[in-house]
Amino acid sequence: MTETAHPVTRADRLLDAAGDLLVRWGYQRVTIEDVAKQAGVGKGTVYLHFRTKEALFLAVLMRSHRGVVGRMADRMEVDPAEALPARTVGSLYRELARDPVTRPLYLGDPEILGRLAHEAAAALGGIVERRTEIGRAWFGLLREAGLLRTDLAIDEQMRVFSAVTTGFFFIDGMSTVPGPTDPDGRADLLEHALRTALEEPTGRPTAEVAAASAALYRSLLTYIDALSA
């Protein structure tokens, strides 16, 4: 193993350990010492890679977010229907419902993101801004292809898209809200809401449109990689 390969492997092991502890114990209970013990290294080794606990957990969330976006682009390339907003978010919902590490980044968990606010201000703020730009370009592409309704402006459609999606995630923790209790049932309902609000009923994306949509989101991966470099 070369000297350059070893730190990468070690950093990945630290992120794996931190992610596992985040899921099992929650952000407040986990310490740098816990992560070091879980990864089988000394506390000082953790600080060689991450100067603070906040920086470590931000890296965990950034890596998870990168994986989510990458898999979303992969799905678009395999099945063009995944390029439609309803299918995109339905598949994303199903994935997040089964992955507690990625959920805080999308749900805005106050316990985690509140404590990461200072550390994450530039990184997460930039990602959100870039993701909004990509979303607008994506909607424009779908509108030009006749796949989205045009009775609303793009910015209005994006607000509907964001409000519906965020609302579905938000009410997951409210046991008094009626409706499906299983992730697949909730995902189906979310898809129905977005399809009805935004999409043309007979729209079917071509492979070219899906590839262009996937390319837009792959550009976000390039941005995330630059932040993590």
Protein backbone atom coordinates (compact mmCIF):
# COMPACT_ATOMS: atom_id res chain seq x y z
CA MET A 1 0.00 0.00 0.00
CA THR A 2 1.36 3.41 -0.96
CA GLU A 3 1.50 6.35 1.40
CA THR A 4 -1.20 8.17 -0.57
CA ALA A 5 -3.60 5.21 -0.52
CA HIS A 6 -3.42 4.63 3.23
CA PRO A 7 -4.97 7.94 4.38
CA VAL A 8 -7.90 7.50 1.96
CA THR A 9 -8.65 4.03 3.30
CA ARG A 10 -8.31 5.22 6.87
CA ALA A 11 -10.57 8.22 6.30
CA ASP A 12 -13.22 6.00 4.76
CA ARG A 13 -13.02 3.73 7.79
CA LEU A 14 -13.54 6.70 10.07
CA LEU A 15 -16.56 7.84 8.07
CA ASP A 16 -18.01 4.33 8.20
CA ALA A 17 -17.55 4.24 11.98
CA ALA A 18 -19.05 7.70 12.47
CA GLY A 19 -22.04 6.87 10.29
CA ASP A 20 -22.70 3.66 12.17
CA LEU A 21 -22.55 5.41 15.54
CA LEU A 22 -24.73 8.26 14.29
CA VAL A 23 -27.47 5.77 13.45
CA ARG A 24 -27.16 3.76 16.67
CA TRP A 25 -26.60 6.50 19.25
CA GLY A 26 -27.53 9.84 17.68
CA TYR A 27 -25.32 12.86 17.12
CA GLN A 28 -25.27 14.21 20.68
CA ARG A 29 -24.01 11.01 22.28
CA VAL A 30 -21.19 10.25 19.86
CA THR A 31 -17.72 11.57 20.67
CA ILE A 32 -14.45 11.61 18.75
CA GLU A 33 -13.20 8.96 21.18
CA ASP A 34 -16.16 6.73 20.29
CA VAL A 35 -15.43 7.05 16.57
CA ALA A 36 -11.75 6.29 17.11
CA LYS A 37 -12.56 3.19 19.14
CA GLN A 38 -15.10 2.00 16.57
CA ALA A 39 -12.56 2.45 13.76
CA GLY A 40 -9.73 0.83 15.72
CA VAL A 41 -7.46 3.89 15.75
CA GLY A 42 -6.26 6.46 18.26
CA LYS A 43 -8.13 9.70 18.95
CA GLY A 44 -5.26 11.69 17.46
CA THR A 45 -5.64 9.82 14.19
CA VAL A 46 -9.18 11.09 13.82
CA TYR A 47 -7.94 14.66 14.18
CA LEU A 48 -5.42 14.09 11.41
CA HIS A 49 -8.37 13.88 9.02
CA PHE A 50 -11.11 15.94 10.69
CA ARG A 51 -10.33 18.92 12.89
CA THR A 52 -13.66 18.81 14.78
CA LYS A 53 -16.56 16.48 15.43
CA GLU A 54 -18.70 18.76 13.26
CA ALA A 55 -16.28 18.43 10.34
CA LEU A 56 -16.34 14.65 10.70
CA PHE A 57 -20.11 14.35 10.64
CA LEU A 58 -20.41 16.88 7.84
CA ALA A 59 -18.12 14.60 5.82
CA VAL A 60 -20.40 11.65 6.66
CA LEU A 61 -23.44 13.53 5.38
CA MET A 62 -21.61 14.80 2.29
CA ARG A 63 -20.51 11.30 1.35
CA SER A 64 -24.02 9.95 1.88
CA HIS A 65 -25.53 12.77 -0.16
CA ARG A 66 -23.10 12.07 -2.97
CA GLY A 67 -24.19 8.45 -3.04
CA VAL A 68 -27.86 9.43 -3.12
CA VAL A 69 -27.37 11.78 -6.08
CA GLY A 70 -25.20 9.29 -7.93
CA ARG A 71 -27.75 6.50 -7.59
CA MET A 72 -30.50 8.88 -8.71
CA ALA A 73 -28.56 9.64 -11.91
CA ASP A 74 -27.91 5.91 -12.40
CA ARG A 75 -31.63 5.18 -12.22
CA MET A 76 -32.39 7.83 -14.83
CA GLU A 77 -29.92 6.27 -17.24
CA VAL A 78 -31.31 2.76 -16.75
CA ASP A 79 -35.02 3.66 -16.86
CA PRO A 80 -36.01 6.92 -18.63
CA ALA A 81 -39.22 7.12 -16.58
CA GLU A 82 -37.01 7.85 -13.55
CA ALA A 83 -36.31 11.29 -15.07
CA LEU A 84 -39.85 12.41 -14.28
CA PRO A 85 -40.24 14.30 -10.97
CA ALA A 86 -42.75 11.84 -9.50
CA ARG A 87 -40.61 8.78 -10.16
CA THR A 88 -37.41 10.55 -9.16
CA VAL A 89 -38.77 11.52 -5.76
CA GLY A 90 -40.67 8.26 -5.23
CA SER A 91 -37.46 6.28 -5.68
CA LEU A 92 -35.57 8.75 -3.52
CA TYR A 93 -38.19 8.48 -0.76
CA ARG A 94 -37.95 4.69 -0.75
CA GLU A 95 -34.18 4.89 -0.47
CA LEU A 96 -34.13 7.47 2.30
CA ALA A 97 -36.83 5.67 4.26
CA ARG A 98 -34.40 2.78 4.59
CA ASP A 99 -31.23 4.82 5.19
CA PRO A 100 -31.18 6.80 8.45
CA VAL A 101 -27.77 8.32 7.66
CA THR A 102 -29.00 10.25 4.62
CA ARG A 103 -32.38 11.28 6.02
CA PRO A 104 -31.08 14.21 8.17
CA LEU A 105 -29.62 15.98 5.14
CA TYR A 106 -32.98 15.96 3.42
CA LEU A 107 -35.20 16.37 6.44
CA GLY A 108 -33.13 19.11 8.03
CA ASP A 109 -32.88 17.30 11.35
CA PRO A 110 -32.36 20.17 13.86
CA GLU A 111 -30.25 18.03 16.20
CA ILE A 112 -27.62 17.42 13.54
CA LEU A 113 -27.82 20.28 11.09
CA GLY A 114 -28.24 22.84 13.86
CA ARG A 115 -24.93 21.80 15.38
CA LEU A 116 -23.26 21.65 11.98
CA ALA A 117 -24.53 25.08 10.96
CA HIS A 118 -21.21 26.91 11.30
CA GLU A 119 -19.15 24.12 9.78
CA ALA A 120 -21.66 23.49 7.02
CA ALA A 121 -22.60 27.05 6.09
CA ALA A 122 -20.41 27.30 3.00
CA ALA A 123 -20.54 23.66 1.91
CA LEU A 124 -24.23 22.87 2.40
CA GLY A 125 -25.30 26.34 1.36
CA GLY A 126 -23.38 25.97 -1.89
CA ILE A 127 -24.83 22.53 -2.51
CA VAL A 128 -28.39 23.74 -1.96
CA GLU A 129 -27.84 26.67 -4.33
CA ARG A 130 -26.28 24.45 -6.98
CA ARG A 131 -29.01 21.84 -6.58
CA THR A 132 -31.64 24.55 -7.09
CA GLU A 133 -29.92 25.67 -10.29
CA ILE A 134 -29.80 22.09 -11.53
CA GLY A 135 -33.45 21.53 -10.61
CA ARG A 136 -34.49 24.56 -12.60
CA ALA A 137 -32.52 23.39 -15.63
CA TRP A 138 -34.05 19.91 -15.23
CA PHE A 139 -37.58 21.29 -15.16
CA GLY A 140 -36.81 23.42 -18.21
CA LEU A 141 -35.56 20.36 -20.06
CA LEU A 142 -38.70 18.39 -19.19
CA ARG A 143 -40.98 21.26 -20.17
CA GLU A 144 -39.31 21.57 -23.55
CA ALA A 145 -39.83 17.84 -24.07
CA GLY A 146 -43.56 18.20 -23.34
CA LEU A 147 -43.33 16.18 -20.13
CA LEU A 148 -44.36 18.87 -17.63
CA ARG A 149 -47.42 21.09 -17.58
CA THR A 150 -46.85 24.71 -18.61
CA ASP A 151 -49.80 26.39 -16.88
CA LEU A 152 -47.39 27.47 -14.13
CA ALA A 153 -43.99 29.14 -14.42
CA ILE A 154 -40.91 27.01 -13.69
CA ASP A 155 -40.25 28.73 -10.37
CA GLU A 156 -43.84 28.14 -9.30
CA GLN A 157 -43.59 24.47 -10.26
CA MET A 158 -40.36 24.13 -8.32
CA ARG A 159 -42.07 25.59 -5.25
CA VAL A 160 -44.88 23.06 -5.57
CA PHE A 161 -42.31 20.29 -6.04
CA SER A 162 -40.33 21.36 -2.97
CA ALA A 163 -43.38 21.93 -0.77
CA VAL A 164 -45.00 18.58 -1.57
CA THR A 165 -41.75 16.63 -1.19
CA THR A 166 -40.72 18.35 2.04
CA GLY A 167 -44.22 17.96 3.45
CA PHE A 168 -44.22 14.21 2.92
CA PHE A 169 -40.90 13.84 4.72
CA PHE A 170 -41.94 16.18 7.53
CA ILE A 171 -45.13 14.33 8.45
CA ASP A 172 -43.35 10.98 8.66
CA GLY A 173 -42.65 11.64 12.33
CA MET A 174 -46.24 12.60 13.13
CA SER A 175 -48.08 9.46 14.16
CA THR A 176 -51.47 11.18 14.10
CA VAL A 177 -51.42 11.80 10.33
CA PRO A 178 -53.64 9.23 8.55
CA GLY A 179 -52.61 7.36 5.43
CA PRO A 180 -50.21 4.55 4.47
CA THR A 181 -47.78 3.51 7.18
CA ASP A 182 -45.34 1.54 5.03
CA PRO A 183 -42.63 3.35 2.99
CA ASP A 184 -43.80 1.96 -0.35
CA GLY A 185 -47.37 3.08 0.26
CA ARG A 186 -46.24 6.56 1.23
CA ALA A 187 -43.92 6.72 -1.78
CA ASP A 188 -46.79 5.77 -4.08
CA LEU A 189 -48.91 8.56 -2.58
CA LEU A 190 -46.07 11.05 -2.98
CA GLU A 191 -45.65 10.05 -6.63
CA HIS A 192 -49.37 10.48 -7.21
CA ALA A 193 -49.32 14.00 -5.74
CA LEU A 194 -46.38 15.15 -7.85
CA ARG A 195 -47.60 13.47 -11.01
CA THR A 196 -50.99 15.13 -10.68
CA ALA A 197 -49.57 18.56 -9.89
CA LEU A 198 -46.73 18.75 -12.39
CA GLU A 199 -46.68 16.19 -15.16
CA GLU A 200 -48.45 15.76 -18.48
CA PRO A 201 -50.54 12.58 -18.20
CA THR A 202 -49.21 11.00 -21.41
CA GLY A 203 -45.59 12.11 -21.09
CA ARG A 204 -42.92 9.45 -21.62
CA PRO A 205 -39.26 10.56 -21.42
CA THR A 206 -36.91 9.45 -24.17
CA ALA A 207 -33.53 7.95 -23.41
CA GLU A 208 -31.96 11.21 -24.61
CA VAL A 209 -33.98 13.33 -22.18
CA ALA A 210 -33.19 10.94 -19.34
CA ALA A 211 -29.47 11.01 -20.17
CA ALA A 212 -29.49 14.80 -20.22
CA SER A 213 -31.30 14.86 -16.85
CA ALA A 214 -28.77 12.44 -15.37
CA ALA A 215 -25.90 14.57 -16.70
CA LEU A 216 -27.27 17.60 -14.87
CA TYR A 217 -27.19 15.75 -11.57
CA ARG A 218 -23.78 14.25 -12.26
CA SER A 219 -22.51 17.83 -12.48
CA LEU A 220 -23.55 18.16 -8.83
CA LEU A 221 -21.29 15.21 -8.01
CA THR A 222 -18.39 17.09 -9.57
CA TYR A 223 -19.21 20.06 -7.34
CA ILE A 224 -19.38 17.89 -4.21
CA ASP A 225 -16.07 16.24 -5.07
CA ALA A 226 -14.45 19.66 -5.45
CA LEU A 227 -15.70 20.65 -1.98
CA SER A 228 -14.36 17.43 -0.47
CA ALA A 229 -10.96 17.64 -2.15
